[in-house]
Amino acid sequence: TERSPLPVFADESFQRLTDVLRLK
């Protein structure tokens, strides 16, 4: 994500509310 020229989205890595900040 740090090097990508395009936005990179989480799908399978992301489930619920408690996941948001750890994926920041």
PDBML (XML) file of the C-alpha atoms, coordinates in Angstrom:
<?xml version="1.0" encoding="UTF-8" ?>
<PDBx:datablock datablockName="MODEL"
   xmlns:PDBx="http://pdbml.pdb.org/schema/pdbx-v50.xsd"
   xmlns:xsi="http://www.w3.org/2001/XMLSchema-instance"
   xsi:schemaLocation="http://pdbml.pdb.org/schema/pdbx-v50.xsd pdbx-v50.xsd">
   <PDBx:atom_siteCategory>
      <PDBx:atom_site id="1">
         <PDBx:B_iso_or_equiv>0.00</PDBx:B_iso_or_equiv>
         <PDBx:Cartn_x>0.000</PDBx:Cartn_x>
         <PDBx:Cartn_y>0.000</PDBx:Cartn_y>
         <PDBx:Cartn_z>0.000</PDBx:Cartn_z>
         <PDBx:auth_asym_id>A</PDBx:auth_asym_id>
         <PDBx:auth_atom_id>CA</PDBx:auth_atom_id>
         <PDBx:auth_comp_id>THR</PDBx:auth_comp_id>
         <PDBx:auth_seq_id>1</PDBx:auth_seq_id>
         <PDBx:group_PDB>ATOM</PDBx:group_PDB>
         <PDBx:label_alt_id xsi:nil="true" />
         <PDBx:label_asym_id>A</PDBx:label_asym_id>
         <PDBx:label_atom_id>CA</PDBx:label_atom_id>
         <PDBx:label_comp_id>THR</PDBx:label_comp_id>
         <PDBx:label_entity_id>1</PDBx:label_entity_id>
         <PDBx:label_seq_id>1</PDBx:label_seq_id>
         <PDBx:occupancy>1.00</PDBx:occupancy>
         <PDBx:pdbx_PDB_model_num>1</PDBx:pdbx_PDB_model_num>
         <PDBx:type_symbol>C</PDBx:type_symbol>
      </PDBx:atom_site>
      <PDBx:atom_site id="2">
         <PDBx:B_iso_or_equiv>0.00</PDBx:B_iso_or_equiv>
         <PDBx:Cartn_x>2.836</PDBx:Cartn_x>
         <PDBx:Cartn_y>2.408</PDBx:Cartn_y>
         <PDBx:Cartn_z>0.843</PDBx:Cartn_z>
         <PDBx:auth_asym_id>A</PDBx:auth_asym_id>
         <PDBx:auth_atom_id>CA</PDBx:auth_atom_id>
         <PDBx:auth_comp_id>GLU</PDBx:auth_comp_id>
         <PDBx:auth_seq_id>2</PDBx:auth_seq_id>
         <PDBx:group_PDB>ATOM</PDBx:group_PDB>
         <PDBx:label_alt_id xsi:nil="true" />
         <PDBx:label_asym_id>A</PDBx:label_asym_id>
         <PDBx:label_atom_id>CA</PDBx:label_atom_id>
         <PDBx:label_comp_id>GLU</PDBx:label_comp_id>
         <PDBx:label_entity_id>1</PDBx:label_entity_id>
         <PDBx:label_seq_id>2</PDBx:label_seq_id>
         <PDBx:occupancy>1.00</PDBx:occupancy>
         <PDBx:pdbx_PDB_model_num>1</PDBx:pdbx_PDB_model_num>
         <PDBx:type_symbol>C</PDBx:type_symbol>
      </PDBx:atom_site>
      <PDBx:atom_site id="3">
         <PDBx:B_iso_or_equiv>0.00</PDBx:B_iso_or_equiv>
         <PDBx:Cartn_x>4.330</PDBx:Cartn_x>
         <PDBx:Cartn_y>1.920</PDBx:Cartn_y>
         <PDBx:Cartn_z>-2.638</PDBx:Cartn_z>
         <PDBx:auth_asym_id>A</PDBx:auth_asym_id>
         <PDBx:auth_atom_id>CA</PDBx:auth_atom_id>
         <PDBx:auth_comp_id>ARG</PDBx:auth_comp_id>
         <PDBx:auth_seq_id>3</PDBx:auth_seq_id>
         <PDBx:group_PDB>ATOM</PDBx:group_PDB>
         <PDBx:label_alt_id xsi:nil="true" />
         <PDBx:label_asym_id>A</PDBx:label_asym_id>
         <PDBx:label_atom_id>CA</PDBx:label_atom_id>
         <PDBx:label_comp_id>ARG</PDBx:label_comp_id>
         <PDBx:label_entity_id>1</PDBx:label_entity_id>
         <PDBx:label_seq_id>3</PDBx:label_seq_id>
         <PDBx:occupancy>1.00</PDBx:occupancy>
         <PDBx:pdbx_PDB_model_num>1</PDBx:pdbx_PDB_model_num>
         <PDBx:type_symbol>C</PDBx:type_symbol>
      </PDBx:atom_site>
      <PDBx:atom_site id="4">
         <PDBx:B_iso_or_equiv>0.00</PDBx:B_iso_or_equiv>
         <PDBx:Cartn_x>1.179</PDBx:Cartn_x>
         <PDBx:Cartn_y>1.432</PDBx:Cartn_y>
         <PDBx:Cartn_z>-4.704</PDBx:Cartn_z>
         <PDBx:auth_asym_id>A</PDBx:auth_asym_id>
         <PDBx:auth_atom_id>CA</PDBx:auth_atom_id>
         <PDBx:auth_comp_id>SER</PDBx:auth_comp_id>
         <PDBx:auth_seq_id>4</PDBx:auth_seq_id>
         <PDBx:group_PDB>ATOM</PDBx:group_PDB>
         <PDBx:label_alt_id xsi:nil="true" />
         <PDBx:label_asym_id>A</PDBx:label_asym_id>
         <PDBx:label_atom_id>CA</PDBx:label_atom_id>
         <PDBx:label_comp_id>SER</PDBx:label_comp_id>
         <PDBx:label_entity_id>1</PDBx:label_entity_id>
         <PDBx:label_seq_id>4</PDBx:label_seq_id>
         <PDBx:occupancy>1.00</PDBx:occupancy>
         <PDBx:pdbx_PDB_model_num>1</PDBx:pdbx_PDB_model_num>
         <PDBx:type_symbol>C</PDBx:type_symbol>
      </PDBx:atom_site>
      <PDBx:atom_site id="5">
         <PDBx:B_iso_or_equiv>0.00</PDBx:B_iso_or_equiv>
         <PDBx:Cartn_x>0.162</PDBx:Cartn_x>
         <PDBx:Cartn_y>4.116</PDBx:Cartn_y>
         <PDBx:Cartn_z>-7.222</PDBx:Cartn_z>
         <PDBx:auth_asym_id>A</PDBx:auth_asym_id>
         <PDBx:auth_atom_id>CA</PDBx:auth_atom_id>
         <PDBx:auth_comp_id>PRO</PDBx:auth_comp_id>
         <PDBx:auth_seq_id>5</PDBx:auth_seq_id>
         <PDBx:group_PDB>ATOM</PDBx:group_PDB>
         <PDBx:label_alt_id xsi:nil="true" />
         <PDBx:label_asym_id>A</PDBx:label_asym_id>
         <PDBx:label_atom_id>CA</PDBx:label_atom_id>
         <PDBx:label_comp_id>PRO</PDBx:label_comp_id>
         <PDBx:label_entity_id>1</PDBx:label_entity_id>
         <PDBx:label_seq_id>5</PDBx:label_seq_id>
         <PDBx:occupancy>1.00</PDBx:occupancy>
         <PDBx:pdbx_PDB_model_num>1</PDBx:pdbx_PDB_model_num>
         <PDBx:type_symbol>C</PDBx:type_symbol>
      </PDBx:atom_site>
      <PDBx:atom_site id="6">
         <PDBx:B_iso_or_equiv>0.00</PDBx:B_iso_or_equiv>
         <PDBx:Cartn_x>-3.460</PDBx:Cartn_x>
         <PDBx:Cartn_y>2.970</PDBx:Cartn_y>
         <PDBx:Cartn_z>-6.756</PDBx:Cartn_z>
         <PDBx:auth_asym_id>A</PDBx:auth_asym_id>
         <PDBx:auth_atom_id>CA</PDBx:auth_atom_id>
         <PDBx:auth_comp_id>LEU</PDBx:auth_comp_id>
         <PDBx:auth_seq_id>6</PDBx:auth_seq_id>
         <PDBx:group_PDB>ATOM</PDBx:group_PDB>
         <PDBx:label_alt_id xsi:nil="true" />
         <PDBx:label_asym_id>A</PDBx:label_asym_id>
         <PDBx:label_atom_id>CA</PDBx:label_atom_id>
         <PDBx:label_comp_id>LEU</PDBx:label_comp_id>
         <PDBx:label_entity_id>1</PDBx:label_entity_id>
         <PDBx:label_seq_id>6</PDBx:label_seq_id>
         <PDBx:occupancy>1.00</PDBx:occupancy>
         <PDBx:pdbx_PDB_model_num>1</PDBx:pdbx_PDB_model_num>
         <PDBx:type_symbol>C</PDBx:type_symbol>
      </PDBx:atom_site>
      <PDBx:atom_site id="7">
         <PDBx:B_iso_or_equiv>0.00</PDBx:B_iso_or_equiv>
         <PDBx:Cartn_x>-5.613</PDBx:Cartn_x>
         <PDBx:Cartn_y>2.732</PDBx:Cartn_y>
         <PDBx:Cartn_z>-3.603</PDBx:Cartn_z>
         <PDBx:auth_asym_id>A</PDBx:auth_asym_id>
         <PDBx:auth_atom_id>CA</PDBx:auth_atom_id>
         <PDBx:auth_comp_id>PRO</PDBx:auth_comp_id>
         <PDBx:auth_seq_id>7</PDBx:auth_seq_id>
         <PDBx:group_PDB>ATOM</PDBx:group_PDB>
         <PDBx:label_alt_id xsi:nil="true" />
         <PDBx:label_asym_id>A</PDBx:label_asym_id>
         <PDBx:label_atom_id>CA</PDBx:label_atom_id>
         <PDBx:label_comp_id>PRO</PDBx:label_comp_id>
         <PDBx:label_entity_id>1</PDBx:label_entity_id>
         <PDBx:label_seq_id>7</PDBx:label_seq_id>
         <PDBx:occupancy>1.00</PDBx:occupancy>
         <PDBx:pdbx_PDB_model_num>1</PDBx:pdbx_PDB_model_num>
         <PDBx:type_symbol>C</PDBx:type_symbol>
      </PDBx:atom_site>
      <PDBx:atom_site id="8">
         <PDBx:B_iso_or_equiv>0.00</PDBx:B_iso_or_equiv>
         <PDBx:Cartn_x>-5.525</PDBx:Cartn_x>
         <PDBx:Cartn_y>-0.754</PDBx:Cartn_y>
         <PDBx:Cartn_z>-2.081</PDBx:Cartn_z>
         <PDBx:auth_asym_id>A</PDBx:auth_asym_id>
         <PDBx:auth_atom_id>CA</PDBx:auth_atom_id>
         <PDBx:auth_comp_id>VAL</PDBx:auth_comp_id>
         <PDBx:auth_seq_id>8</PDBx:auth_seq_id>
         <PDBx:group_PDB>ATOM</PDBx:group_PDB>
         <PDBx:label_alt_id xsi:nil="true" />
         <PDBx:label_asym_id>A</PDBx:label_asym_id>
         <PDBx:label_atom_id>CA</PDBx:label_atom_id>
         <PDBx:label_comp_id>VAL</PDBx:label_comp_id>
         <PDBx:label_entity_id>1</PDBx:label_entity_id>
         <PDBx:label_seq_id>8</PDBx:label_seq_id>
         <PDBx:occupancy>1.00</PDBx:occupancy>
         <PDBx:pdbx_PDB_model_num>1</PDBx:pdbx_PDB_model_num>
         <PDBx:type_symbol>C</PDBx:type_symbol>
      </PDBx:atom_site>
      <PDBx:atom_site id="9">
         <PDBx:B_iso_or_equiv>0.00</PDBx:B_iso_or_equiv>
         <PDBx:Cartn_x>-8.652</PDBx:Cartn_x>
         <PDBx:Cartn_y>-1.973</PDBx:Cartn_y>
         <PDBx:Cartn_z>-0.295</PDBx:Cartn_z>
         <PDBx:auth_asym_id>A</PDBx:auth_asym_id>
         <PDBx:auth_atom_id>CA</PDBx:auth_atom_id>
         <PDBx:auth_comp_id>PHE</PDBx:auth_comp_id>
         <PDBx:auth_seq_id>9</PDBx:auth_seq_id>
         <PDBx:group_PDB>ATOM</PDBx:group_PDB>
         <PDBx:label_alt_id xsi:nil="true" />
         <PDBx:label_asym_id>A</PDBx:label_asym_id>
         <PDBx:label_atom_id>CA</PDBx:label_atom_id>
         <PDBx:label_comp_id>PHE</PDBx:label_comp_id>
         <PDBx:label_entity_id>1</PDBx:label_entity_id>
         <PDBx:label_seq_id>9</PDBx:label_seq_id>
         <PDBx:occupancy>1.00</PDBx:occupancy>
         <PDBx:pdbx_PDB_model_num>1</PDBx:pdbx_PDB_model_num>
         <PDBx:type_symbol>C</PDBx:type_symbol>
      </PDBx:atom_site>
      <PDBx:atom_site id="10">
         <PDBx:B_iso_or_equiv>0.00</PDBx:B_iso_or_equiv>
         <PDBx:Cartn_x>-9.124</PDBx:Cartn_x>
         <PDBx:Cartn_y>-4.673</PDBx:Cartn_y>
         <PDBx:Cartn_z>2.335</PDBx:Cartn_z>
         <PDBx:auth_asym_id>A</PDBx:auth_asym_id>
         <PDBx:auth_atom_id>CA</PDBx:auth_atom_id>
         <PDBx:auth_comp_id>ALA</PDBx:auth_comp_id>
         <PDBx:auth_seq_id>10</PDBx:auth_seq_id>
         <PDBx:group_PDB>ATOM</PDBx:group_PDB>
         <PDBx:label_alt_id xsi:nil="true" />
         <PDBx:label_asym_id>A</PDBx:label_asym_id>
         <PDBx:label_atom_id>CA</PDBx:label_atom_id>
         <PDBx:label_comp_id>ALA</PDBx:label_comp_id>
         <PDBx:label_entity_id>1</PDBx:label_entity_id>
         <PDBx:label_seq_id>10</PDBx:label_seq_id>
         <PDBx:occupancy>1.00</PDBx:occupancy>
         <PDBx:pdbx_PDB_model_num>1</PDBx:pdbx_PDB_model_num>
         <PDBx:type_symbol>C</PDBx:type_symbol>
      </PDBx:atom_site>
      <PDBx:atom_site id="11">
         <PDBx:B_iso_or_equiv>0.00</PDBx:B_iso_or_equiv>
         <PDBx:Cartn_x>-11.879</PDBx:Cartn_x>
         <PDBx:Cartn_y>-7.217</PDBx:Cartn_y>
         <PDBx:Cartn_z>1.809</PDBx:Cartn_z>
         <PDBx:auth_asym_id>A</PDBx:auth_asym_id>
         <PDBx:auth_atom_id>CA</PDBx:auth_atom_id>
         <PDBx:auth_comp_id>ASP</PDBx:auth_comp_id>
         <PDBx:auth_seq_id>11</PDBx:auth_seq_id>
         <PDBx:group_PDB>ATOM</PDBx:group_PDB>
         <PDBx:label_alt_id xsi:nil="true" />
         <PDBx:label_asym_id>A</PDBx:label_asym_id>
         <PDBx:label_atom_id>CA</PDBx:label_atom_id>
         <PDBx:label_comp_id>ASP</PDBx:label_comp_id>
         <PDBx:label_entity_id>1</PDBx:label_entity_id>
         <PDBx:label_seq_id>11</PDBx:label_seq_id>
         <PDBx:occupancy>1.00</PDBx:occupancy>
         <PDBx:pdbx_PDB_model_num>1</PDBx:pdbx_PDB_model_num>
         <PDBx:type_symbol>C</PDBx:type_symbol>
      </PDBx:atom_site>
      <PDBx:atom_site id="12">
         <PDBx:B_iso_or_equiv>0.00</PDBx:B_iso_or_equiv>
         <PDBx:Cartn_x>-11.033</PDBx:Cartn_x>
         <PDBx:Cartn_y>-10.637</PDBx:Cartn_y>
         <PDBx:Cartn_z>3.215</PDBx:Cartn_z>
         <PDBx:auth_asym_id>A</PDBx:auth_asym_id>
         <PDBx:auth_atom_id>CA</PDBx:auth_atom_id>
         <PDBx:auth_comp_id>GLU</PDBx:auth_comp_id>
         <PDBx:auth_seq_id>12</PDBx:auth_seq_id>
         <PDBx:group_PDB>ATOM</PDBx:group_PDB>
         <PDBx:label_alt_id xsi:nil="true" />
         <PDBx:label_asym_id>A</PDBx:label_asym_id>
         <PDBx:label_atom_id>CA</PDBx:label_atom_id>
         <PDBx:label_comp_id>GLU</PDBx:label_comp_id>
         <PDBx:label_entity_id>1</PDBx:label_entity_id>
         <PDBx:label_seq_id>12</PDBx:label_seq_id>
         <PDBx:occupancy>1.00</PDBx:occupancy>
         <PDBx:pdbx_PDB_model_num>1</PDBx:pdbx_PDB_model_num>
         <PDBx:type_symbol>C</PDBx:type_symbol>
      </PDBx:atom_site>
      <PDBx:atom_site id="13">
         <PDBx:B_iso_or_equiv>0.00</PDBx:B_iso_or_equiv>
         <PDBx:Cartn_x>-8.607</PDBx:Cartn_x>
         <PDBx:Cartn_y>-8.961</PDBx:Cartn_y>
         <PDBx:Cartn_z>5.666</PDBx:Cartn_z>
         <PDBx:auth_asym_id>A</PDBx:auth_asym_id>
         <PDBx:auth_atom_id>CA</PDBx:auth_atom_id>
         <PDBx:auth_comp_id>SER</PDBx:auth_comp_id>
         <PDBx:auth_seq_id>13</PDBx:auth_seq_id>
         <PDBx:group_PDB>ATOM</PDBx:group_PDB>
         <PDBx:label_alt_id xsi:nil="true" />
         <PDBx:label_asym_id>A</PDBx:label_asym_id>
         <PDBx:label_atom_id>CA</PDBx:label_atom_id>
         <PDBx:label_comp_id>SER</PDBx:label_comp_id>
         <PDBx:label_entity_id>1</PDBx:label_entity_id>
         <PDBx:label_seq_id>13</PDBx:label_seq_id>
         <PDBx:occupancy>1.00</PDBx:occupancy>
         <PDBx:pdbx_PDB_model_num>1</PDBx:pdbx_PDB_model_num>
         <PDBx:type_symbol>C</PDBx:type_symbol>
      </PDBx:atom_site>
      <PDBx:atom_site id="14">
         <PDBx:B_iso_or_equiv>0.00</PDBx:B_iso_or_equiv>
         <PDBx:Cartn_x>-11.447</PDBx:Cartn_x>
         <PDBx:Cartn_y>-6.854</PDBx:Cartn_y>
         <PDBx:Cartn_z>7.023</PDBx:Cartn_z>
         <PDBx:auth_asym_id>A</PDBx:auth_asym_id>
         <PDBx:auth_atom_id>CA</PDBx:auth_atom_id>
         <PDBx:auth_comp_id>PHE</PDBx:auth_comp_id>
         <PDBx:auth_seq_id>14</PDBx:auth_seq_id>
         <PDBx:group_PDB>ATOM</PDBx:group_PDB>
         <PDBx:label_alt_id xsi:nil="true" />
         <PDBx:label_asym_id>A</PDBx:label_asym_id>
         <PDBx:label_atom_id>CA</PDBx:label_atom_id>
         <PDBx:label_comp_id>PHE</PDBx:label_comp_id>
         <PDBx:label_entity_id>1</PDBx:label_entity_id>
         <PDBx:label_seq_id>14</PDBx:label_seq_id>
         <PDBx:occupancy>1.00</PDBx:occupancy>
         <PDBx:pdbx_PDB_model_num>1</PDBx:pdbx_PDB_model_num>
         <PDBx:type_symbol>C</PDBx:type_symbol>
      </PDBx:atom_site>
      <PDBx:atom_site id="15">
         <PDBx:B_iso_or_equiv>0.00</PDBx:B_iso_or_equiv>
         <PDBx:Cartn_x>-14.563</PDBx:Cartn_x>
         <PDBx:Cartn_y>-8.031</PDBx:Cartn_y>
         <PDBx:Cartn_z>8.823</PDBx:Cartn_z>
         <PDBx:auth_asym_id>A</PDBx:auth_asym_id>
         <PDBx:auth_atom_id>CA</PDBx:auth_atom_id>
         <PDBx:auth_comp_id>GLN</PDBx:auth_comp_id>
         <PDBx:auth_seq_id>15</PDBx:auth_seq_id>
         <PDBx:group_PDB>ATOM</PDBx:group_PDB>
         <PDBx:label_alt_id xsi:nil="true" />
         <PDBx:label_asym_id>A</PDBx:label_asym_id>
         <PDBx:label_atom_id>CA</PDBx:label_atom_id>
         <PDBx:label_comp_id>GLN</PDBx:label_comp_id>
         <PDBx:label_entity_id>1</PDBx:label_entity_id>
         <PDBx:label_seq_id>15</PDBx:label_seq_id>
         <PDBx:occupancy>1.00</PDBx:occupancy>
         <PDBx:pdbx_PDB_model_num>1</PDBx:pdbx_PDB_model_num>
         <PDBx:type_symbol>C</PDBx:type_symbol>
      </PDBx:atom_site>
      <PDBx:atom_site id="16">
         <PDBx:B_iso_or_equiv>0.00</PDBx:B_iso_or_equiv>
         <PDBx:Cartn_x>-15.900</PDBx:Cartn_x>
         <PDBx:Cartn_y>-5.905</PDBx:Cartn_y>
         <PDBx:Cartn_z>11.661</PDBx:Cartn_z>
         <PDBx:auth_asym_id>A</PDBx:auth_asym_id>
         <PDBx:auth_atom_id>CA</PDBx:auth_atom_id>
         <PDBx:auth_comp_id>ARG</PDBx:auth_comp_id>
         <PDBx:auth_seq_id>16</PDBx:auth_seq_id>
         <PDBx:group_PDB>ATOM</PDBx:group_PDB>
         <PDBx:label_alt_id xsi:nil="true" />
         <PDBx:label_asym_id>A</PDBx:label_asym_id>
         <PDBx:label_atom_id>CA</PDBx:label_atom_id>
         <PDBx:label_comp_id>ARG</PDBx:label_comp_id>
         <PDBx:label_entity_id>1</PDBx:label_entity_id>
         <PDBx:label_seq_id>16</PDBx:label_seq_id>
         <PDBx:occupancy>1.00</PDBx:occupancy>
         <PDBx:pdbx_PDB_model_num>1</PDBx:pdbx_PDB_model_num>
         <PDBx:type_symbol>C</PDBx:type_symbol>
      </PDBx:atom_site>
      <PDBx:atom_site id="17">
         <PDBx:B_iso_or_equiv>0.00</PDBx:B_iso_or_equiv>
         <PDBx:Cartn_x>-15.632</PDBx:Cartn_x>
         <PDBx:Cartn_y>-2.603</PDBx:Cartn_y>
         <PDBx:Cartn_z>13.524</PDBx:Cartn_z>
         <PDBx:auth_asym_id>A</PDBx:auth_asym_id>
         <PDBx:auth_atom_id>CA</PDBx:auth_atom_id>
         <PDBx:auth_comp_id>LEU</PDBx:auth_comp_id>
         <PDBx:auth_seq_id>17</PDBx:auth_seq_id>
         <PDBx:group_PDB>ATOM</PDBx:group_PDB>
         <PDBx:label_alt_id xsi:nil="true" />
         <PDBx:label_asym_id>A</PDBx:label_asym_id>
         <PDBx:label_atom_id>CA</PDBx:label_atom_id>
         <PDBx:label_comp_id>LEU</PDBx:label_comp_id>
         <PDBx:label_entity_id>1</PDBx:label_entity_id>
         <PDBx:label_seq_id>17</PDBx:label_seq_id>
         <PDBx:occupancy>1.00</PDBx:occupancy>
         <PDBx:pdbx_PDB_model_num>1</PDBx:pdbx_PDB_model_num>
         <PDBx:type_symbol>C</PDBx:type_symbol>
      </PDBx:atom_site>
      <PDBx:atom_site id="18">
         <PDBx:B_iso_or_equiv>0.00</PDBx:B_iso_or_equiv>
         <PDBx:Cartn_x>-12.707</PDBx:Cartn_x>
         <PDBx:Cartn_y>-3.733</PDBx:Cartn_y>
         <PDBx:Cartn_z>15.678</PDBx:Cartn_z>
         <PDBx:auth_asym_id>A</PDBx:auth_asym_id>
         <PDBx:auth_atom_id>CA</PDBx:auth_atom_id>
         <PDBx:auth_comp_id>THR</PDBx:auth_comp_id>
         <PDBx:auth_seq_id>18</PDBx:auth_seq_id>
         <PDBx:group_PDB>ATOM</PDBx:group_PDB>
         <PDBx:label_alt_id xsi:nil="true" />
         <PDBx:label_asym_id>A</PDBx:label_asym_id>
         <PDBx:label_atom_id>CA</PDBx:label_atom_id>
         <PDBx:label_comp_id>THR</PDBx:label_comp_id>
         <PDBx:label_entity_id>1</PDBx:label_entity_id>
         <PDBx:label_seq_id>18</PDBx:label_seq_id>
         <PDBx:occupancy>1.00</PDBx:occupancy>
         <PDBx:pdbx_PDB_model_num>1</PDBx:pdbx_PDB_model_num>
         <PDBx:type_symbol>C</PDBx:type_symbol>
      </PDBx:atom_site>
      <PDBx:atom_site id="19">
         <PDBx:B_iso_or_equiv>0.00</PDBx:B_iso_or_equiv>
         <PDBx:Cartn_x>-10.623</PDBx:Cartn_x>
         <PDBx:Cartn_y>-4.283</PDBx:Cartn_y>
         <PDBx:Cartn_z>12.524</PDBx:Cartn_z>
         <PDBx:auth_asym_id>A</PDBx:auth_asym_id>
         <PDBx:auth_atom_id>CA</PDBx:auth_atom_id>
         <PDBx:auth_comp_id>ASP</PDBx:auth_comp_id>
         <PDBx:auth_seq_id>19</PDBx:auth_seq_id>
         <PDBx:group_PDB>ATOM</PDBx:group_PDB>
         <PDBx:label_alt_id xsi:nil="true" />
         <PDBx:label_asym_id>A</PDBx:label_asym_id>
         <PDBx:label_atom_id>CA</PDBx:label_atom_id>
         <PDBx:label_comp_id>ASP</PDBx:label_comp_id>
         <PDBx:label_entity_id>1</PDBx:label_entity_id>
         <PDBx:label_seq_id>19</PDBx:label_seq_id>
         <PDBx:occupancy>1.00</PDBx:occupancy>
         <PDBx:pdbx_PDB_model_num>1</PDBx:pdbx_PDB_model_num>
         <PDBx:type_symbol>C</PDBx:type_symbol>
      </PDBx:atom_site>
      <PDBx:atom_site id="20">
         <PDBx:B_iso_or_equiv>0.00</PDBx:B_iso_or_equiv>
         <PDBx:Cartn_x>-10.712</PDBx:Cartn_x>
         <PDBx:Cartn_y>-0.698</PDBx:Cartn_y>
         <PDBx:Cartn_z>11.293</PDBx:Cartn_z>
         <PDBx:auth_asym_id>A</PDBx:auth_asym_id>
         <PDBx:auth_atom_id>CA</PDBx:auth_atom_id>
         <PDBx:auth_comp_id>VAL</PDBx:auth_comp_id>
         <PDBx:auth_seq_id>20</PDBx:auth_seq_id>
         <PDBx:group_PDB>ATOM</PDBx:group_PDB>
         <PDBx:label_alt_id xsi:nil="true" />
         <PDBx:label_asym_id>A</PDBx:label_asym_id>
         <PDBx:label_atom_id>CA</PDBx:label_atom_id>
         <PDBx:label_comp_id>VAL</PDBx:label_comp_id>
         <PDBx:label_entity_id>1</PDBx:label_entity_id>
         <PDBx:label_seq_id>20</PDBx:label_seq_id>
         <PDBx:occupancy>1.00</PDBx:occupancy>
         <PDBx:pdbx_PDB_model_num>1</PDBx:pdbx_PDB_model_num>
         <PDBx:type_symbol>C</PDBx:type_symbol>
      </PDBx:atom_site>
      <PDBx:atom_site id="21">
         <PDBx:B_iso_or_equiv>0.00</PDBx:B_iso_or_equiv>
         <PDBx:Cartn_x>-7.933</PDBx:Cartn_x>
         <PDBx:Cartn_y>0.867</PDBx:Cartn_y>
         <PDBx:Cartn_z>13.346</PDBx:Cartn_z>
         <PDBx:auth_asym_id>A</PDBx:auth_asym_id>
         <PDBx:auth_atom_id>CA</PDBx:auth_atom_id>
         <PDBx:auth_comp_id>LEU</PDBx:auth_comp_id>
         <PDBx:auth_seq_id>21</PDBx:auth_seq_id>
         <PDBx:group_PDB>ATOM</PDBx:group_PDB>
         <PDBx:label_alt_id xsi:nil="true" />
         <PDBx:label_asym_id>A</PDBx:label_asym_id>
         <PDBx:label_atom_id>CA</PDBx:label_atom_id>
         <PDBx:label_comp_id>LEU</PDBx:label_comp_id>
         <PDBx:label_entity_id>1</PDBx:label_entity_id>
         <PDBx:label_seq_id>21</PDBx:label_seq_id>
         <PDBx:occupancy>1.00</PDBx:occupancy>
         <PDBx:pdbx_PDB_model_num>1</PDBx:pdbx_PDB_model_num>
         <PDBx:type_symbol>C</PDBx:type_symbol>
      </PDBx:atom_site>
      <PDBx:atom_site id="22">
         <PDBx:B_iso_or_equiv>0.00</PDBx:B_iso_or_equiv>
         <PDBx:Cartn_x>-5.580</PDBx:Cartn_x>
         <PDBx:Cartn_y>-2.105</PDBx:Cartn_y>
         <PDBx:Cartn_z>13.117</PDBx:Cartn_z>
         <PDBx:auth_asym_id>A</PDBx:auth_asym_id>
         <PDBx:auth_atom_id>CA</PDBx:auth_atom_id>
         <PDBx:auth_comp_id>ARG</PDBx:auth_comp_id>
         <PDBx:auth_seq_id>22</PDBx:auth_seq_id>
         <PDBx:group_PDB>ATOM</PDBx:group_PDB>
         <PDBx:label_alt_id xsi:nil="true" />
         <PDBx:label_asym_id>A</PDBx:label_asym_id>
         <PDBx:label_atom_id>CA</PDBx:label_atom_id>
         <PDBx:label_comp_id>ARG</PDBx:label_comp_id>
         <PDBx:label_entity_id>1</PDBx:label_entity_id>
         <PDBx:label_seq_id>22</PDBx:label_seq_id>
         <PDBx:occupancy>1.00</PDBx:occupancy>
         <PDBx:pdbx_PDB_model_num>1</PDBx:pdbx_PDB_model_num>
         <PDBx:type_symbol>C</PDBx:type_symbol>
      </PDBx:atom_site>
      <PDBx:atom_site id="23">
         <PDBx:B_iso_or_equiv>0.00</PDBx:B_iso_or_equiv>
         <PDBx:Cartn_x>-5.748</PDBx:Cartn_x>
         <PDBx:Cartn_y>-1.777</PDBx:Cartn_y>
         <PDBx:Cartn_z>9.318</PDBx:Cartn_z>
         <PDBx:auth_asym_id>A</PDBx:auth_asym_id>
         <PDBx:auth_atom_id>CA</PDBx:auth_atom_id>
         <PDBx:auth_comp_id>LEU</PDBx:auth_comp_id>
         <PDBx:auth_seq_id>23</PDBx:auth_seq_id>
         <PDBx:group_PDB>ATOM</PDBx:group_PDB>
         <PDBx:label_alt_id xsi:nil="true" />
         <PDBx:label_asym_id>A</PDBx:label_asym_id>
         <PDBx:label_atom_id>CA</PDBx:label_atom_id>
         <PDBx:label_comp_id>LEU</PDBx:label_comp_id>
         <PDBx:label_entity_id>1</PDBx:label_entity_id>
         <PDBx:label_seq_id>23</PDBx:label_seq_id>
         <PDBx:occupancy>1.00</PDBx:occupancy>
         <PDBx:pdbx_PDB_model_num>1</PDBx:pdbx_PDB_model_num>
         <PDBx:type_symbol>C</PDBx:type_symbol>
      </PDBx:atom_site>
      <PDBx:atom_site id="24">
         <PDBx:B_iso_or_equiv>0.00</PDBx:B_iso_or_equiv>
         <PDBx:Cartn_x>-4.964</PDBx:Cartn_x>
         <PDBx:Cartn_y>1.923</PDBx:Cartn_y>
         <PDBx:Cartn_z>9.317</PDBx:Cartn_z>
         <PDBx:auth_asym_id>A</PDBx:auth_asym_id>
         <PDBx:auth_atom_id>CA</PDBx:auth_atom_id>
         <PDBx:auth_comp_id>LYS</PDBx:auth_comp_id>
         <PDBx:auth_seq_id>24</PDBx:auth_seq_id>
         <PDBx:group_PDB>ATOM</PDBx:group_PDB>
         <PDBx:label_alt_id xsi:nil="true" />
         <PDBx:label_asym_id>A</PDBx:label_asym_id>
         <PDBx:label_atom_id>CA</PDBx:label_atom_id>
         <PDBx:label_comp_id>LYS</PDBx:label_comp_id>
         <PDBx:label_entity_id>1</PDBx:label_entity_id>
         <PDBx:label_seq_id>24</PDBx:label_seq_id>
         <PDBx:occupancy>1.00</PDBx:occupancy>
         <PDBx:pdbx_PDB_model_num>1</PDBx:pdbx_PDB_model_num>
         <PDBx:type_symbol>C</PDBx:type_symbol>
      </PDBx:atom_site>
   </PDBx:atom_siteCategory>
</PDBx:datablock>
